[in-house]
């Protein structure tokens, strides 16, 4: 009987894990792309909320959309007093 030695492949180079339109990584070129925008173009020009809006809604927000989105996010940040007290103990 011939002995078989399994081949161990480490890493995921060349393996497609999932397909998405949200982002792309072109590692050998050092590129990260969100919804068609290079991260280099977004960095320093778009705030956190603009990037989140882009990722969720597939477009950068205009000023009214950004204001409404920031308001909505801030409304979701409420932490009950009981939780704050529990965290302090």
C-alpha atoms as a PDB file:
ATOM      1  CA  UNK A   1       0.000   0.000   0.000  1.00  0.00           C
ATOM      2  CA  UNK A   2       1.343   3.432  -0.945  1.00  0.00           C
ATOM      3  CA  UNK A   3       1.579   5.971   1.854  1.00  0.00           C
ATOM      4  CA  UNK A   4      -0.044   9.328   1.166  1.00  0.00           C
ATOM      5  CA  UNK A   5       1.204  12.531   2.703  1.00  0.00           C
ATOM      6  CA  UNK A   6      -1.405  15.284   2.753  1.00  0.00           C
ATOM      7  CA  UNK A   7      -0.472  18.635   1.281  1.00  0.00           C
ATOM      8  CA  UNK A   8      -0.942  21.499   3.702  1.00  0.00           C
ATOM      9  CA  UNK A   9      -1.787  24.775   2.005  1.00  0.00           C
ATOM     10  CA  UNK A  10      -1.372  27.765   4.293  1.00  0.00           C
ATOM     11  CA  UNK A  11      -2.943  31.121   3.671  1.00  0.00           C
ATOM     12  CA  UNK A  12      -5.634  32.035   1.196  1.00  0.00           C
ATOM     13  CA  UNK A  13      -3.578  33.396  -1.683  1.00  0.00           C
ATOM     14  CA  UNK A  14      -5.525  32.847  -4.874  1.00  0.00           C
ATOM     15  CA  UNK A  15      -8.617  31.601  -3.046  1.00  0.00           C
ATOM     16  CA  UNK A  16     -11.868  33.485  -3.595  1.00  0.00           C
ATOM     17  CA  UNK A  17     -13.681  33.610  -0.272  1.00  0.00           C
ATOM     18  CA  UNK A  18     -16.612  35.768  -1.302  1.00  0.00           C
ATOM     19  CA  UNK A  19     -17.642  38.130  -4.039  1.00  0.00           C
ATOM     20  CA  UNK A  20     -18.811  41.621  -3.091  1.00  0.00           C
ATOM     21  CA  UNK A  21     -19.458  45.012  -4.663  1.00  0.00           C
ATOM     22  CA  UNK A  22     -18.716  46.794  -1.393  1.00  0.00           C
ATOM     23  CA  UNK A  23     -14.939  46.659  -1.451  1.00  0.00           C
ATOM     24  CA  UNK A  24     -11.990  45.330  -3.354  1.00  0.00           C
ATOM     25  CA  UNK A  25      -8.427  44.645  -2.325  1.00  0.00           C
ATOM     26  CA  UNK A  26      -5.703  44.630  -4.939  1.00  0.00           C
ATOM     27  CA  UNK A  27      -2.927  43.596  -2.610  1.00  0.00           C
ATOM     28  CA  UNK A  28      -0.037  43.453  -5.051  1.00  0.00           C
ATOM     29  CA  UNK A  29      -0.783  47.076  -6.009  1.00  0.00           C
ATOM     30  CA  UNK A  30      -1.506  48.220  -2.448  1.00  0.00           C
ATOM     31  CA  UNK A  31      -5.050  49.283  -3.335  1.00  0.00           C
ATOM     32  CA  UNK A  32      -8.189  49.249  -1.193  1.00  0.00           C
ATOM     33  CA  UNK A  33     -11.403  50.324  -2.888  1.00  0.00           C
ATOM     34  CA  UNK A  34     -14.776  51.079  -1.263  1.00  0.00           C
ATOM     35  CA  UNK A  35     -17.770  51.187  -3.634  1.00  0.00           C
ATOM     36  CA  UNK A  36     -15.510  52.221  -6.516  1.00  0.00           C
ATOM     37  CA  UNK A  37     -13.608  54.902  -4.555  1.00  0.00           C
ATOM     38  CA  UNK A  38      -9.925  54.457  -3.789  1.00  0.00           C
ATOM     39  CA  UNK A  39      -9.266  54.665  -0.060  1.00  0.00           C
ATOM     40  CA  UNK A  40      -6.495  57.124  -0.939  1.00  0.00           C
ATOM     41  CA  UNK A  41      -9.094  59.485  -2.413  1.00  0.00           C
ATOM     42  CA  UNK A  42     -11.368  59.130   0.627  1.00  0.00           C
ATOM     43  CA  UNK A  43      -8.722  59.382   3.358  1.00  0.00           C
ATOM     44  CA  UNK A  44      -8.482  62.871   4.788  1.00  0.00           C
ATOM     45  CA  UNK A  45     -11.387  64.104   2.656  1.00  0.00           C
ATOM     46  CA  UNK A  46     -14.362  62.114   3.930  1.00  0.00           C
ATOM     47  CA  UNK A  47     -15.397  61.772   7.568  1.00  0.00           C
ATOM     48  CA  UNK A  48     -16.302  58.501   9.288  1.00  0.00           C
ATOM     49  CA  UNK A  49     -20.028  59.041   8.778  1.00  0.00           C
ATOM     50  CA  UNK A  50     -19.563  59.713   5.053  1.00  0.00           C
ATOM     51  CA  UNK A  51     -17.662  56.446   4.638  1.00  0.00           C
ATOM     52  CA  UNK A  52     -20.301  54.496   6.578  1.00  0.00           C
ATOM     53  CA  UNK A  53     -23.028  56.090   4.430  1.00  0.00           C
ATOM     54  CA  UNK A  54     -21.102  55.103   1.299  1.00  0.00           C
ATOM     55  CA  UNK A  55     -20.760  51.512   2.473  1.00  0.00           C
ATOM     56  CA  UNK A  56     -24.403  51.177   3.528  1.00  0.00           C
ATOM     57  CA  UNK A  57     -26.206  53.171   0.841  1.00  0.00           C
ATOM     58  CA  UNK A  58     -23.798  52.851  -2.117  1.00  0.00           C
ATOM     59  CA  UNK A  59     -23.200  56.598  -2.470  1.00  0.00           C
ATOM     60  CA  UNK A  60     -21.530  59.460  -0.693  1.00  0.00           C
ATOM     61  CA  UNK A  61     -24.103  61.651   1.035  1.00  0.00           C
ATOM     62  CA  UNK A  62     -24.891  65.237   0.118  1.00  0.00           C
ATOM     63  CA  UNK A  63     -24.879  67.768   2.981  1.00  0.00           C
ATOM     64  CA  UNK A  64     -28.543  67.186   3.927  1.00  0.00           C
ATOM     65  CA  UNK A  65     -28.153  63.399   3.851  1.00  0.00           C
ATOM     66  CA  UNK A  66     -24.990  63.646   5.940  1.00  0.00           C
ATOM     67  CA  UNK A  67     -26.674  65.828   8.575  1.00  0.00           C
ATOM     68  CA  UNK A  68     -29.651  63.438   8.784  1.00  0.00           C
ATOM     69  CA  UNK A  69     -27.369  60.402   8.959  1.00  0.00           C
ATOM     70  CA  UNK A  70     -25.235  61.937  11.732  1.00  0.00           C
ATOM     71  CA  UNK A  71     -28.419  62.753  13.664  1.00  0.00           C
ATOM     72  CA  UNK A  72     -29.696  59.201  13.267  1.00  0.00           C
ATOM     73  CA  UNK A  73     -26.390  57.728  14.414  1.00  0.00           C
ATOM     74  CA  UNK A  74     -26.271  59.999  17.465  1.00  0.00           C
ATOM     75  CA  UNK A  75     -29.794  58.931  18.440  1.00  0.00           C
ATOM     76  CA  UNK A  76     -28.637  55.294  18.450  1.00  0.00           C
ATOM     77  CA  UNK A  77     -25.759  56.040  20.835  1.00  0.00           C
ATOM     78  CA  UNK A  78     -27.943  56.371  23.940  1.00  0.00           C
ATOM     79  CA  UNK A  79     -26.642  54.358  26.894  1.00  0.00           C
ATOM     80  CA  UNK A  80     -29.078  53.802  29.782  1.00  0.00           C
ATOM     81  CA  UNK A  81     -27.975  55.220  33.149  1.00  0.00           C
ATOM     82  CA  UNK A  82     -28.267  51.748  34.691  1.00  0.00           C
ATOM     83  CA  UNK A  83     -25.702  50.390  32.262  1.00  0.00           C
ATOM     84  CA  UNK A  84     -23.320  53.270  32.920  1.00  0.00           C
ATOM     85  CA  UNK A  85     -23.655  52.663  36.675  1.00  0.00           C
ATOM     86  CA  UNK A  86     -23.024  48.931  36.222  1.00  0.00           C
ATOM     87  CA  UNK A  87     -19.910  49.611  34.167  1.00  0.00           C
ATOM     88  CA  UNK A  88     -18.547  51.913  36.877  1.00  0.00           C
ATOM     89  CA  UNK A  89     -18.764  49.222  39.575  1.00  0.00           C
END
